[in-house]
């Protein structure tokens, strides 16, 4: 999959794409920080700035 704007590919990191995909597909409910950490980051410990 890829992110496009006006037909042009927008380069983004895989984790950023995964986060966008998660938030879009789960738009009708609250997604917790723990759930994001598990799904997007595979349970790795990451800082809020990541």
N, C-alpha and C. Protein backbone atom coordinates (compact mmCIF):
# COMPACT_ATOMS: atom_id res chain seq x y z
N UNK A 1 0.83 -1.18 0.00
CA UNK A 1 0.00 0.00 0.00
C UNK A 1 0.88 1.24 0.00
N UNK A 2 0.28 2.34 -0.44
CA UNK A 2 1.03 3.59 -0.44
C UNK A 2 0.07 4.75 -0.23
N UNK A 3 0.62 5.85 0.22
CA UNK A 3 -0.15 7.06 0.44
C UNK A 3 0.07 7.97 -0.75
N UNK A 4 -1.03 8.49 -1.29
CA UNK A 4 -0.94 9.39 -2.44
C UNK A 4 -1.70 10.68 -2.19
N UNK A 5 -1.22 11.74 -2.81
CA UNK A 5 -1.91 13.03 -2.80
C UNK A 5 -1.86 13.57 -4.22
N UNK A 6 -3.05 13.78 -4.78
CA UNK A 6 -3.17 14.27 -6.15
C UNK A 6 -2.37 13.42 -7.14
N UNK A 7 -2.38 12.11 -6.91
CA UNK A 7 -1.71 11.19 -7.81
C UNK A 7 -0.23 10.96 -7.54
N UNK A 8 0.36 11.75 -6.67
CA UNK A 8 1.78 11.60 -6.36
C UNK A 8 1.96 10.80 -5.08
N UNK A 9 2.93 9.88 -5.10
CA UNK A 9 3.24 9.08 -3.91
C UNK A 9 3.90 9.96 -2.86
N UNK A 10 3.43 9.83 -1.62
CA UNK A 10 4.02 10.55 -0.50
C UNK A 10 4.83 9.56 0.32
N UNK A 11 6.14 9.73 0.37
CA UNK A 11 6.95 8.77 1.13
C UNK A 11 6.75 8.94 2.63
N UNK A 12 6.42 7.85 3.29
CA UNK A 12 6.28 7.85 4.76
C UNK A 12 6.87 6.55 5.29
N UNK A 13 7.27 6.59 6.53
CA UNK A 13 7.84 5.41 7.19
C UNK A 13 6.73 4.37 7.42
N UNK A 14 7.11 3.09 7.44
CA UNK A 14 6.10 2.03 7.62
C UNK A 14 5.27 2.18 8.89
N UNK A 15 5.89 2.61 9.99
CA UNK A 15 5.14 2.76 11.23
C UNK A 15 4.12 3.90 11.11
N UNK A 16 4.46 4.95 10.41
CA UNK A 16 3.53 6.06 10.22
C UNK A 16 2.34 5.57 9.40
N UNK A 17 2.60 4.79 8.35
CA UNK A 17 1.52 4.25 7.55
C UNK A 17 0.64 3.33 8.39
N UNK A 18 1.26 2.49 9.20
CA UNK A 18 0.50 1.57 10.07
C UNK A 18 -0.37 2.34 11.05
N UNK A 19 0.15 3.41 11.59
CA UNK A 19 -0.63 4.23 12.52
C UNK A 19 -1.83 4.86 11.81
N UNK A 20 -1.61 5.43 10.64
CA UNK A 20 -2.72 6.01 9.88
C UNK A 20 -3.76 4.96 9.54
N UNK A 21 -3.31 3.79 9.11
CA UNK A 21 -4.23 2.71 8.78
C UNK A 21 -5.06 2.30 9.99
N UNK A 22 -4.41 2.15 11.14
CA UNK A 22 -5.11 1.78 12.36
C UNK A 22 -6.16 2.83 12.73
N UNK A 23 -5.77 4.09 12.72
CA UNK A 23 -6.71 5.14 13.12
C UNK A 23 -7.87 5.28 12.14
N UNK A 24 -7.61 5.07 10.86
CA UNK A 24 -8.68 5.16 9.86
C UNK A 24 -9.64 3.98 9.99
N UNK A 25 -9.09 2.78 10.13
CA UNK A 25 -9.96 1.60 10.20
C UNK A 25 -10.72 1.52 11.52
N UNK A 26 -10.22 2.18 12.55
CA UNK A 26 -10.86 2.15 13.87
C UNK A 26 -11.44 3.53 14.23
N UNK A 27 -11.84 4.28 13.24
CA UNK A 27 -12.29 5.67 13.44
C UNK A 27 -13.50 5.80 14.36
N UNK A 28 -14.26 4.73 14.53
CA UNK A 28 -15.49 4.81 15.32
C UNK A 28 -15.30 4.49 16.80
N UNK A 29 -14.05 4.32 17.23
CA UNK A 29 -13.81 4.02 18.64
C UNK A 29 -12.48 4.62 19.10
N UNK A 30 -12.32 4.68 20.40
CA UNK A 30 -11.08 5.17 21.00
C UNK A 30 -10.00 4.11 20.86
N UNK A 31 -8.83 4.49 20.36
CA UNK A 31 -7.69 3.59 20.23
C UNK A 31 -6.68 4.00 21.30
N UNK A 32 -6.40 3.09 22.21
CA UNK A 32 -5.51 3.42 23.33
C UNK A 32 -4.06 3.48 22.90
N UNK A 33 -3.29 4.17 23.71
CA UNK A 33 -1.85 4.25 23.47
C UNK A 33 -1.22 2.86 23.54
N UNK A 34 -1.70 2.03 24.46
CA UNK A 34 -1.17 0.66 24.58
C UNK A 34 -1.47 -0.15 23.32
N UNK A 35 -2.66 0.03 22.76
CA UNK A 35 -3.03 -0.68 21.54
C UNK A 35 -2.17 -0.22 20.37
N UNK A 36 -1.95 1.08 20.28
CA UNK A 36 -1.08 1.62 19.23
C UNK A 36 0.32 1.05 19.38
N UNK A 37 0.81 1.03 20.61
CA UNK A 37 2.16 0.50 20.86
C UNK A 37 2.25 -0.96 20.43
N UNK A 38 1.24 -1.74 20.73
CA UNK A 38 1.28 -3.17 20.39
C UNK A 38 1.16 -3.39 18.88
N UNK A 39 0.22 -2.71 18.23
CA UNK A 39 -0.03 -2.95 16.80
C UNK A 39 1.02 -2.29 15.92
N UNK A 40 1.32 -1.03 16.18
CA UNK A 40 2.22 -0.29 15.30
C UNK A 40 3.69 -0.59 15.61
N UNK A 41 4.01 -0.65 16.88
CA UNK A 41 5.42 -0.79 17.27
C UNK A 41 5.77 -2.21 17.71
N UNK A 42 4.83 -3.14 17.61
CA UNK A 42 5.12 -4.53 17.95
C UNK A 42 5.47 -4.74 19.41
N UNK A 43 4.95 -3.88 20.28
CA UNK A 43 5.20 -4.01 21.71
C UNK A 43 6.52 -3.44 22.18
N UNK A 44 7.32 -2.88 21.25
CA UNK A 44 8.60 -2.27 21.64
C UNK A 44 8.32 -1.02 22.46
N UNK A 45 9.21 -0.72 23.34
CA UNK A 45 9.10 0.49 24.15
C UNK A 45 9.58 1.68 23.33
N UNK A 46 8.70 2.66 23.12
CA UNK A 46 9.04 3.86 22.35
C UNK A 46 8.62 5.10 23.12
N UNK A 47 9.30 6.20 22.89
CA UNK A 47 8.95 7.45 23.55
C UNK A 47 7.80 8.13 22.82
N UNK A 48 7.17 9.08 23.46
CA UNK A 48 6.06 9.82 22.85
C UNK A 48 6.52 10.59 21.62
N UNK A 49 7.79 10.97 21.57
CA UNK A 49 8.28 11.74 20.42
C UNK A 49 8.43 10.89 19.17
N UNK A 50 8.44 9.57 19.32
CA UNK A 50 8.56 8.68 18.16
C UNK A 50 7.26 8.65 17.40
